[in-house]
Amino acid sequence: MELVTLLTAINPYDNCESYFRELAWGSSDTNLSFETSYFGSISSIRNTPGTASFTLATLKQAITEIITARSPNQVRTLDYLSEFDCGDHADHLTTGRITASLVGNAAPGAGFSGYIGYGVANYPPTMSTSDPAFTAKGNAFFAYTPYDSAECQSYSACVNAGRAESYWLTR
């Protein structure tokens, strides 16, 4: 499917792939979000450059095709259990829900995990910056950041700017 080629694959490790796509998001216009598409309030959503349009069905198809093609042992996504308006971005929760709804059919033997988004900063740290798990987590996160110009590009940049990412990474 052509939509799969529009997704950005990041492979920081031999056994891990992450997929990202810049789509319009609901911070400035809640009518253009995964959430409004998920609940049927809008029929399609455009990517940030405005070069492509996606429906909920085509997004589900792309995710299904990626999962099926990769035959993963484990699928990790964003929080799919929390209520909307719980403090995390609605598009994160929607992405988690969409992925959760597809994994059982696309990769029936795969393990499945959803992770808390922004709210994780409210929990106590679970690792120090000298912990190998922190290094691995940071490496995975900072493999993504070059694709997001609004994102801090290093842990020290996150700390120095007072960004929440510095809290997320130690949990």
C-alpha atoms as a PDB file:
ATOM      1  CA  MET A   1       0.000   0.000   0.000  1.00  0.00           C
ATOM      2  CA  GLU A   2       1.271   3.456  -0.846  1.00  0.00           C
ATOM      3  CA  LEU A   3       0.477   4.790   2.636  1.00  0.00           C
ATOM      4  CA  VAL A   4       3.130   2.552   4.173  1.00  0.00           C
ATOM      5  CA  THR A   5       5.770   4.284   2.073  1.00  0.00           C
ATOM      6  CA  LEU A   6       4.674   7.621   3.513  1.00  0.00           C
ATOM      7  CA  LEU A   7       5.514   6.465   7.017  1.00  0.00           C
ATOM      8  CA  THR A   8       8.994   7.068   8.369  1.00  0.00           C
ATOM      9  CA  ALA A   9      10.700   3.914   9.589  1.00  0.00           C
ATOM     10  CA  ILE A  10      13.382   4.343  12.202  1.00  0.00           C
ATOM     11  CA  ASN A  11      15.448   1.288  12.989  1.00  0.00           C
ATOM     12  CA  PRO A  12      17.880   2.202  15.797  1.00  0.00           C
ATOM     13  CA  TYR A  13      18.509  -1.467  16.609  1.00  0.00           C
ATOM     14  CA  ASP A  14      18.475  -4.657  14.576  1.00  0.00           C
ATOM     15  CA  ASN A  15      15.451  -6.003  16.450  1.00  0.00           C
ATOM     16  CA  CYS A  16      13.372  -2.826  16.718  1.00  0.00           C
ATOM     17  CA  GLU A  17      11.491  -0.679  14.234  1.00  0.00           C
ATOM     18  CA  SER A  18       9.484   2.424  14.999  1.00  0.00           C
ATOM     19  CA  TYR A  19       7.115   4.148  12.594  1.00  0.00           C
ATOM     20  CA  PHE A  20       6.205   7.827  12.685  1.00  0.00           C
ATOM     21  CA  ARG A  21       4.129  10.069  10.474  1.00  0.00           C
ATOM     22  CA  GLU A  22       3.591  13.763  10.788  1.00  0.00           C
ATOM     23  CA  LEU A  23      -0.122  14.341  10.651  1.00  0.00           C
ATOM     24  CA  ALA A  24      -2.125  17.370  11.654  1.00  0.00           C
ATOM     25  CA  TRP A  25      -2.731  17.173  15.371  1.00  0.00           C
ATOM     26  CA  GLY A  26      -5.228  18.645  17.722  1.00  0.00           C
ATOM     27  CA  SER A  27      -3.249  21.199  19.703  1.00  0.00           C
ATOM     28  CA  SER A  28      -4.346  24.163  17.620  1.00  0.00           C
ATOM     29  CA  ASP A  29      -7.342  22.680  15.870  1.00  0.00           C
ATOM     30  CA  THR A  30      -9.055  19.775  17.623  1.00  0.00           C
ATOM     31  CA  ASN A  31     -11.102  19.157  14.490  1.00  0.00           C
ATOM     32  CA  LEU A  32      -7.962  17.792  12.805  1.00  0.00           C
ATOM     33  CA  SER A  33      -6.920  14.947  15.053  1.00  0.00           C
ATOM     34  CA  PHE A  34      -6.807  11.175  15.220  1.00  0.00           C
ATOM     35  CA  GLU A  35      -9.413  11.412  17.963  1.00  0.00           C
ATOM     36  CA  THR A  36     -11.964  13.195  15.767  1.00  0.00           C
ATOM     37  CA  SER A  37     -11.278  10.716  12.963  1.00  0.00           C
ATOM     38  CA  TYR A  38     -11.544   7.776  15.379  1.00  0.00           C
ATOM     39  CA  PHE A  39     -14.933   8.932  16.647  1.00  0.00           C
ATOM     40  CA  GLY A  40     -16.181   9.723  13.128  1.00  0.00           C
ATOM     41  CA  SER A  41     -16.380  13.509  13.471  1.00  0.00           C
ATOM     42  CA  ILE A  42     -14.205  13.960  10.376  1.00  0.00           C
ATOM     43  CA  SER A  43     -13.786  11.652   7.391  1.00  0.00           C
ATOM     44  CA  SER A  44     -10.076  12.240   6.746  1.00  0.00           C
ATOM     45  CA  ILE A  45      -6.958  13.915   8.078  1.00  0.00           C
ATOM     46  CA  ARG A  46      -4.096  15.473   6.085  1.00  0.00           C
ATOM     47  CA  ASN A  47      -0.417  15.098   6.855  1.00  0.00           C
ATOM     48  CA  THR A  48       1.484  18.153   8.081  1.00  0.00           C
ATOM     49  CA  PRO A  49       2.984  19.062   4.692  1.00  0.00           C
ATOM     50  CA  GLY A  50      -0.501  18.721   3.144  1.00  0.00           C
ATOM     51  CA  THR A  51       0.701  16.216   0.564  1.00  0.00           C
ATOM     52  CA  ALA A  52      -1.551  13.300   1.550  1.00  0.00           C
ATOM     53  CA  SER A  53      -4.929  12.608   3.091  1.00  0.00           C
ATOM     54  CA  PHE A  54      -5.756   9.623   5.292  1.00  0.00           C
ATOM     55  CA  THR A  55      -9.002   8.083   6.435  1.00  0.00           C
ATOM     56  CA  LEU A  56      -9.318   5.993   9.564  1.00  0.00           C
ATOM     57  CA  ALA A  57      -9.638   2.933   7.306  1.00  0.00           C
ATOM     58  CA  THR A  58      -6.413   3.712   5.404  1.00  0.00           C
ATOM     59  CA  LEU A  59      -4.516   4.358   8.644  1.00  0.00           C
ATOM     60  CA  LYS A  60      -5.729   1.025  10.022  1.00  0.00           C
ATOM     61  CA  GLN A  61      -4.781  -0.683   6.765  1.00  0.00           C
ATOM     62  CA  ALA A  62      -1.261   0.781   6.873  1.00  0.00           C
ATOM     63  CA  ILE A  63      -0.731  -0.282  10.486  1.00  0.00           C
ATOM     64  CA  THR A  64      -2.071  -3.760   9.711  1.00  0.00           C
ATOM     65  CA  GLU A  65       0.227  -4.085   6.693  1.00  0.00           C
ATOM     66  CA  ILE A  66       3.268  -3.052   8.717  1.00  0.00           C
ATOM     67  CA  ILE A  67       2.466  -5.487  11.530  1.00  0.00           C
ATOM     68  CA  THR A  68       1.713  -8.324   9.116  1.00  0.00           C
ATOM     69  CA  ALA A  69       4.840  -7.720   7.011  1.00  0.00           C
ATOM     70  CA  ARG A  70       7.138  -7.555  10.035  1.00  0.00           C
ATOM     71  CA  SER A  71       5.677 -10.570  11.894  1.00  0.00           C
ATOM     72  CA  PRO A  72       6.737  -9.123  15.235  1.00  0.00           C
ATOM     73  CA  ASN A  73       7.202 -11.052  18.467  1.00  0.00           C
ATOM     74  CA  GLN A  74       6.229  -7.927  20.414  1.00  0.00           C
ATOM     75  CA  VAL A  75       4.205  -4.829  19.517  1.00  0.00           C
ATOM     76  CA  ARG A  76       4.582  -1.747  21.691  1.00  0.00           C
ATOM     77  CA  THR A  77       2.347   1.262  21.334  1.00  0.00           C
ATOM     78  CA  LEU A  78       1.002   4.188  23.298  1.00  0.00           C
ATOM     79  CA  ASP A  79      -1.536   4.035  26.117  1.00  0.00           C
ATOM     80  CA  TYR A  80      -4.753   2.396  24.953  1.00  0.00           C
ATOM     81  CA  LEU A  81      -6.522   2.094  28.322  1.00  0.00           C
ATOM     82  CA  SER A  82      -6.701   5.606  29.781  1.00  0.00           C
ATOM     83  CA  GLU A  83      -9.689   7.844  29.296  1.00  0.00           C
ATOM     84  CA  PHE A  84      -9.533  10.734  26.887  1.00  0.00           C
ATOM     85  CA  ASP A  85      -8.811  14.029  28.672  1.00  0.00           C
ATOM     86  CA  CYS A  86      -6.645  12.193  31.231  1.00  0.00           C
ATOM     87  CA  GLY A  87      -3.644  14.436  30.629  1.00  0.00           C
ATOM     88  CA  ASP A  88      -2.121  12.626  27.668  1.00  0.00           C
ATOM     89  CA  HIS A  89      -2.596  13.834  24.103  1.00  0.00           C
ATOM     90  CA  ALA A  90      -5.778  12.437  22.571  1.00  0.00           C
ATOM     91  CA  ASP A  91      -3.894  11.378  19.446  1.00  0.00           C
ATOM     92  CA  HIS A  92      -1.557   9.245  21.568  1.00  0.00           C
ATOM     93  CA  LEU A  93      -4.521   7.495  23.170  1.00  0.00           C
ATOM     94  CA  THR A  94      -6.205   7.041  19.798  1.00  0.00           C
ATOM     95  CA  THR A  95      -3.048   5.569  18.257  1.00  0.00           C
ATOM     96  CA  GLY A  96      -2.861   3.100  21.131  1.00  0.00           C
ATOM     97  CA  ARG A  97      -6.502   2.112  20.696  1.00  0.00           C
ATOM     98  CA  ILE A  98      -6.192   1.660  16.942  1.00  0.00           C
ATOM     99  CA  THR A  99      -3.062  -0.464  17.309  1.00  0.00           C
ATOM    100  CA  ALA A 100      -4.622  -2.543  20.105  1.00  0.00           C
ATOM    101  CA  SER A 101      -7.630  -3.267  17.904  1.00  0.00           C
ATOM    102  CA  LEU A 102      -5.430  -4.590  15.084  1.00  0.00           C
ATOM    103  CA  VAL A 103      -2.659  -6.630  16.715  1.00  0.00           C
ATOM    104  CA  GLY A 104      -4.768  -9.696  17.535  1.00  0.00           C
ATOM    105  CA  ASN A 105      -5.551 -10.347  13.861  1.00  0.00           C
ATOM    106  CA  ALA A 106      -2.339  -9.005  12.287  1.00  0.00           C
ATOM    107  CA  ALA A 107       0.075 -10.767  14.676  1.00  0.00           C
ATOM    108  CA  PRO A 108      -1.901 -13.198  16.814  1.00  0.00           C
ATOM    109  CA  GLY A 109       1.162 -14.629  18.577  1.00  0.00           C
ATOM    110  CA  ALA A 110       2.811 -11.306  19.369  1.00  0.00           C
ATOM    111  CA  GLY A 111       3.054  -9.860  22.832  1.00  0.00           C
ATOM    112  CA  PHE A 112       1.420  -6.473  23.208  1.00  0.00           C
ATOM    113  CA  SER A 113       2.222  -3.510  25.483  1.00  0.00           C
ATOM    114  CA  GLY A 114       0.900   0.018  25.771  1.00  0.00           C
ATOM    115  CA  TYR A 115       2.881   2.731  27.518  1.00  0.00           C
ATOM    116  CA  ILE A 116       1.776   5.773  29.483  1.00  0.00           C
ATOM    117  CA  GLY A 117       2.431   9.013  27.639  1.00  0.00           C
ATOM    118  CA  TYR A 118       2.777  12.483  29.151  1.00  0.00           C
ATOM    119  CA  GLY A 119       1.397  11.409  32.531  1.00  0.00           C
ATOM    120  CA  VAL A 120       4.482   9.313  33.233  1.00  0.00           C
ATOM    121  CA  ALA A 121       6.212  12.504  34.407  1.00  0.00           C
ATOM    122  CA  ASN A 122       3.941  12.403  37.482  1.00  0.00           C
ATOM    123  CA  TYR A 123       5.496   9.136  38.665  1.00  0.00           C
ATOM    124  CA  PRO A 124       8.776   8.775  40.563  1.00  0.00           C
ATOM    125  CA  PRO A 125      11.880   8.072  38.458  1.00  0.00           C
ATOM    126  CA  THR A 126      12.588   4.394  37.907  1.00  0.00           C
ATOM    127  CA  MET A 127      16.162   4.801  36.686  1.00  0.00           C
ATOM    128  CA  SER A 128      19.146   7.114  36.954  1.00  0.00           C
ATOM    129  CA  THR A 129      20.939   8.670  34.025  1.00  0.00           C
ATOM    130  CA  SER A 130      23.818   6.212  34.591  1.00  0.00           C
ATOM    131  CA  ASP A 131      21.517   3.195  34.203  1.00  0.00           C
ATOM    132  CA  PRO A 132      22.019   1.203  30.953  1.00  0.00           C
ATOM    133  CA  ALA A 133      18.222   1.174  30.540  1.00  0.00           C
ATOM    134  CA  PHE A 134      18.263   5.002  30.509  1.00  0.00           C
ATOM    135  CA  THR A 135      20.913   4.940  27.785  1.00  0.00           C
ATOM    136  CA  ALA A 136      18.899   2.474  25.696  1.00  0.00           C
ATOM    137  CA  LYS A 137      15.696   4.463  26.174  1.00  0.00           C
ATOM    138  CA  GLY A 138      17.451   7.721  25.307  1.00  0.00           C
ATOM    139  CA  ASN A 139      19.035   6.193  22.201  1.00  0.00           C
ATOM    140  CA  ALA A 140      15.632   5.035  20.995  1.00  0.00           C
ATOM    141  CA  PHE A 141      14.007   8.403  21.714  1.00  0.00           C
ATOM    142  CA  PHE A 142      16.796  10.450  20.141  1.00  0.00           C
ATOM    143  CA  ALA A 143      16.717   8.289  17.002  1.00  0.00           C
ATOM    144  CA  TYR A 144      13.250   9.826  16.460  1.00  0.00           C
ATOM    145  CA  THR A 145      14.000  13.464  17.321  1.00  0.00           C
ATOM    146  CA  PRO A 146      15.798  14.440  14.086  1.00  0.00           C
ATOM    147  CA  TYR A 147      12.422  13.956  12.384  1.00  0.00           C
ATOM    148  CA  ASP A 148      10.751  16.453  14.743  1.00  0.00           C
ATOM    149  CA  SER A 149      12.198  19.959  14.635  1.00  0.00           C
ATOM    150  CA  ALA A 150      10.192  20.999  17.710  1.00  0.00           C
ATOM    151  CA  GLU A 151      11.817  18.277  19.818  1.00  0.00           C
ATOM    152  CA  CYS A 152      14.928  18.695  21.960  1.00  0.00           C
ATOM    153  CA  GLN A 153      17.786  16.827  20.294  1.00  0.00           C
ATOM    154  CA  SER A 154      19.691  15.622  23.364  1.00  0.00           C
ATOM    155  CA  TYR A 155      19.041  14.867  27.013  1.00  0.00           C
ATOM    156  CA  SER A 156      21.070  17.887  28.124  1.00  0.00           C
ATOM    157  CA  ALA A 157      19.097  20.109  25.723  1.00  0.00           C
ATOM    158  CA  CYS A 158      15.854  18.769  27.234  1.00  0.00           C
ATOM    159  CA  VAL A 159      17.090  19.421  30.794  1.00  0.00           C
ATOM    160  CA  ASN A 160      18.457  22.894  29.977  1.00  0.00           C
ATOM    161  CA  ALA A 161      15.188  23.914  28.319  1.00  0.00           C
ATOM    162  CA  GLY A 162      13.101  22.544  31.208  1.00  0.00           C
ATOM    163  CA  ARG A 163      11.346  20.165  28.810  1.00  0.00           C
ATOM    164  CA  ALA A 164       9.164  17.348  30.112  1.00  0.00           C
ATOM    165  CA  GLU A 165      11.142  14.855  28.029  1.00  0.00           C
ATOM    166  CA  SER A 166      13.881  14.957  30.656  1.00  0.00           C
ATOM    167  CA  TYR A 167      11.339  13.595  33.158  1.00  0.00           C
ATOM    168  CA  TRP A 168       9.898  11.014  30.760  1.00  0.00           C
ATOM    169  CA  LEU A 169      13.284   9.500  30.038  1.00  0.00           C
ATOM    170  CA  THR A 170      14.009   8.643  33.680  1.00  0.00           C
ATOM    171  CA  ARG A 171      10.774   6.681  34.070  1.00  0.00           C
END
